[in-house]
Amino acid sequence: MPFELRGKYFEELPIGTEFNTPARTVTESDVISFAGLTGDYNPLHTDREFAAKTPFGERIAHGLVSLAFVNGLLDKIGIIEGTAQAFLGLDWRFKKPVMFGDTIAATLKVIEARKTSRPGSGIVKFAVTVTNQRNEEVSGGNLDMMMAVKDS
């Protein structure tokens, strides 16, 4: 049986449509792996003794770790699987630290949608809110995607 894509087409993403991702816990291993992958060994993320003396009192995850996890959580819900044509950009703010052991999830809401002059493509802007297990907003912003148009 062939693999069936779950992605949403432009027409299936009207303004106001909302999606909730599953949650994911941020581990020490995630942060250390990210440091190794990117070369960002800032002691705020990797040095327990240094981080204990900061206003946070302990190590925190890189902001980009949580942003990368949003991408993975978005993939888990399948709405861009096979229908996303391009990631166009984002406007993002980090509001609270993500601590080791925090569990984050995202809510996405379509806030703009327009067809492009390119046949078969539309631009969808999602407002994204990332919360932790205490329902505190830790980051968020807007994510712009080029999506396939079903009936072009």
Protein backbone atom coordinates (compact mmCIF):
# COMPACT_ATOMS: atom_id res chain seq x y z
CA MET A 1 0.00 0.00 0.00
CA PRO A 2 1.52 3.40 -0.95
CA PHE A 3 2.30 6.00 1.68
CA GLU A 4 -0.50 8.56 1.94
CA LEU A 5 0.42 12.19 2.61
CA ARG A 6 -1.46 14.06 5.32
CA GLY A 7 -0.55 17.59 4.23
CA LYS A 8 -3.10 20.37 3.91
CA TYR A 9 -3.38 22.28 0.66
CA PHE A 10 -3.72 26.05 0.52
CA GLU A 11 -7.51 25.75 0.10
CA GLU A 12 -7.70 23.68 3.28
CA LEU A 13 -6.08 26.43 5.37
CA PRO A 14 -8.63 29.25 5.60
CA ILE A 15 -7.96 32.19 7.92
CA GLY A 16 -8.84 31.25 11.49
CA THR A 17 -7.97 27.57 11.18
CA GLU A 18 -6.12 26.35 14.30
CA PHE A 19 -3.89 23.37 14.98
CA ASN A 20 -2.40 22.06 18.23
CA THR A 21 0.77 20.03 18.25
CA PRO A 22 1.60 17.24 20.64
CA ALA A 23 4.02 18.09 23.45
CA ARG A 24 7.73 17.36 23.75
CA THR A 25 9.98 17.42 26.80
CA VAL A 26 13.32 19.21 26.44
CA THR A 27 16.14 17.12 27.88
CA GLU A 28 19.75 17.79 28.80
CA SER A 29 20.73 15.44 25.98
CA ASP A 30 18.75 17.57 23.49
CA VAL A 31 20.59 20.71 24.55
CA ILE A 32 24.04 19.12 24.53
CA SER A 33 23.34 17.54 21.12
CA PHE A 34 22.22 20.92 19.78
CA ALA A 35 25.41 22.53 21.14
CA GLY A 36 27.46 19.90 19.34
CA LEU A 37 25.52 20.25 16.12
CA THR A 38 25.74 24.05 16.02
CA GLY A 39 28.97 24.71 17.89
CA ASP A 40 27.10 26.97 20.34
CA TYR A 41 28.60 25.93 23.67
CA ASN A 42 27.52 29.07 25.54
CA PRO A 43 28.01 28.24 29.24
CA LEU A 44 24.46 29.39 29.98
CA HIS A 45 23.39 26.19 28.24
CA THR A 46 26.27 23.82 28.93
CA ASP A 47 27.98 24.74 32.23
CA ARG A 48 26.03 23.96 35.40
CA GLU A 49 28.30 26.03 37.69
CA PHE A 50 28.26 29.08 35.42
CA ALA A 51 24.49 28.92 34.88
CA ALA A 52 23.86 28.65 38.64
CA LYS A 53 25.21 32.20 38.99
CA THR A 54 22.89 33.68 36.33
CA PRO A 55 19.42 35.13 36.94
CA PHE A 56 17.97 31.77 35.82
CA GLY A 57 19.86 29.84 38.50
CA GLU A 58 20.37 26.85 36.23
CA ARG A 59 21.10 25.92 32.63
CA ILE A 60 18.48 26.76 30.05
CA ALA A 61 17.85 25.46 26.55
CA HIS A 62 19.04 27.51 23.59
CA GLY A 63 16.15 29.56 22.23
CA LEU A 64 16.72 27.92 18.87
CA VAL A 65 16.25 24.47 20.42
CA SER A 66 12.62 25.28 21.16
CA LEU A 67 12.19 26.82 17.71
CA ALA A 68 13.64 23.69 16.10
CA PHE A 69 11.28 21.57 18.18
CA VAL A 70 8.34 23.60 16.87
CA ASN A 71 9.39 22.55 13.38
CA GLY A 72 9.42 18.91 14.46
CA LEU A 73 6.09 19.21 16.26
CA LEU A 74 4.61 20.82 13.16
CA ASP A 75 5.81 17.82 11.18
CA LYS A 76 4.16 15.46 13.68
CA ILE A 77 0.70 16.89 13.00
CA GLY A 78 1.28 16.38 9.28
CA ILE A 79 -0.28 19.56 7.91
CA ILE A 80 2.75 20.45 5.78
CA GLU A 81 3.65 16.89 4.75
CA GLY A 82 4.04 16.91 0.98
CA THR A 83 2.20 20.23 0.52
CA ALA A 84 4.73 22.73 1.87
CA GLN A 85 6.74 24.12 -1.02
CA ALA A 86 9.00 26.49 0.91
CA PHE A 87 9.67 27.91 4.32
CA LEU A 88 9.71 31.64 3.61
CA GLY A 89 10.53 33.25 6.94
CA LEU A 90 9.59 33.97 10.48
CA ASP A 91 9.29 36.77 13.00
CA TRP A 92 9.96 35.26 16.43
CA ARG A 93 10.21 36.36 20.07
CA PHE A 94 11.55 34.40 23.02
CA LYS A 95 9.53 35.38 26.10
CA LYS A 96 10.59 32.98 28.88
CA PRO A 97 13.43 30.50 29.22
CA VAL A 98 12.86 26.86 28.44
CA MET A 99 14.40 24.85 31.24
CA PHE A 100 15.72 21.31 31.07
CA GLY A 101 12.69 19.11 31.75
CA ASP A 102 10.12 21.59 30.44
CA THR A 103 7.49 20.16 28.13
CA ILE A 104 6.53 22.42 25.25
CA ALA A 105 3.74 22.38 22.68
CA ALA A 106 2.61 24.81 20.00
CA THR A 107 -0.65 26.24 18.75
CA LEU A 108 -0.77 27.46 15.16
CA LYS A 109 -3.45 29.70 13.71
CA VAL A 110 -3.77 30.76 10.07
CA ILE A 111 -3.82 34.57 10.09
CA GLU A 112 -3.20 35.33 6.41
CA ALA A 113 -3.57 33.39 3.19
CA ARG A 114 -3.14 34.55 -0.38
CA LYS A 115 -2.46 32.95 -3.72
CA THR A 116 0.72 33.95 -5.49
CA SER A 117 1.36 34.85 -9.10
CA ARG A 118 3.17 31.52 -9.34
CA PRO A 119 0.69 28.85 -10.50
CA GLY A 120 0.05 26.17 -7.90
CA SER A 121 1.31 28.16 -4.90
CA GLY A 122 -0.17 30.13 -2.04
CA ILE A 123 1.36 31.89 0.95
CA VAL A 124 0.04 31.04 4.40
CA LYS A 125 1.05 32.96 7.53
CA PHE A 126 0.66 31.11 10.82
CA ALA A 127 0.64 32.80 14.23
CA VAL A 128 2.47 30.38 16.52
CA THR A 129 2.36 30.28 20.31
CA VAL A 130 4.67 27.94 22.22
CA THR A 131 3.74 27.10 25.81
CA ASN A 132 5.29 25.02 28.56
CA GLN A 133 3.65 22.52 30.89
CA ARG A 134 2.40 25.39 33.09
CA ASN A 135 0.67 26.93 30.04
CA GLU A 136 3.12 29.86 30.12
CA GLU A 137 3.99 31.33 26.74
CA VAL A 138 7.72 30.77 26.23
CA SER A 139 7.99 31.94 22.62
CA GLY A 140 6.01 32.68 19.54
CA GLY A 141 5.67 34.62 16.38
CA ASN A 142 4.68 34.34 12.76
CA LEU A 143 5.73 31.64 10.34
CA ASP A 144 5.33 32.09 6.58
CA MET A 145 5.01 29.03 4.34
CA MET A 146 4.47 28.58 0.62
CA MET A 147 1.87 25.85 0.24
CA ALA A 148 0.68 23.88 -2.75
CA VAL A 149 -2.65 24.86 -4.28
CA LYS A 150 -4.86 21.85 -4.97
CA ASP A 151 -6.94 23.37 -7.77
CA SER A 152 -4.55 25.54 -9.74
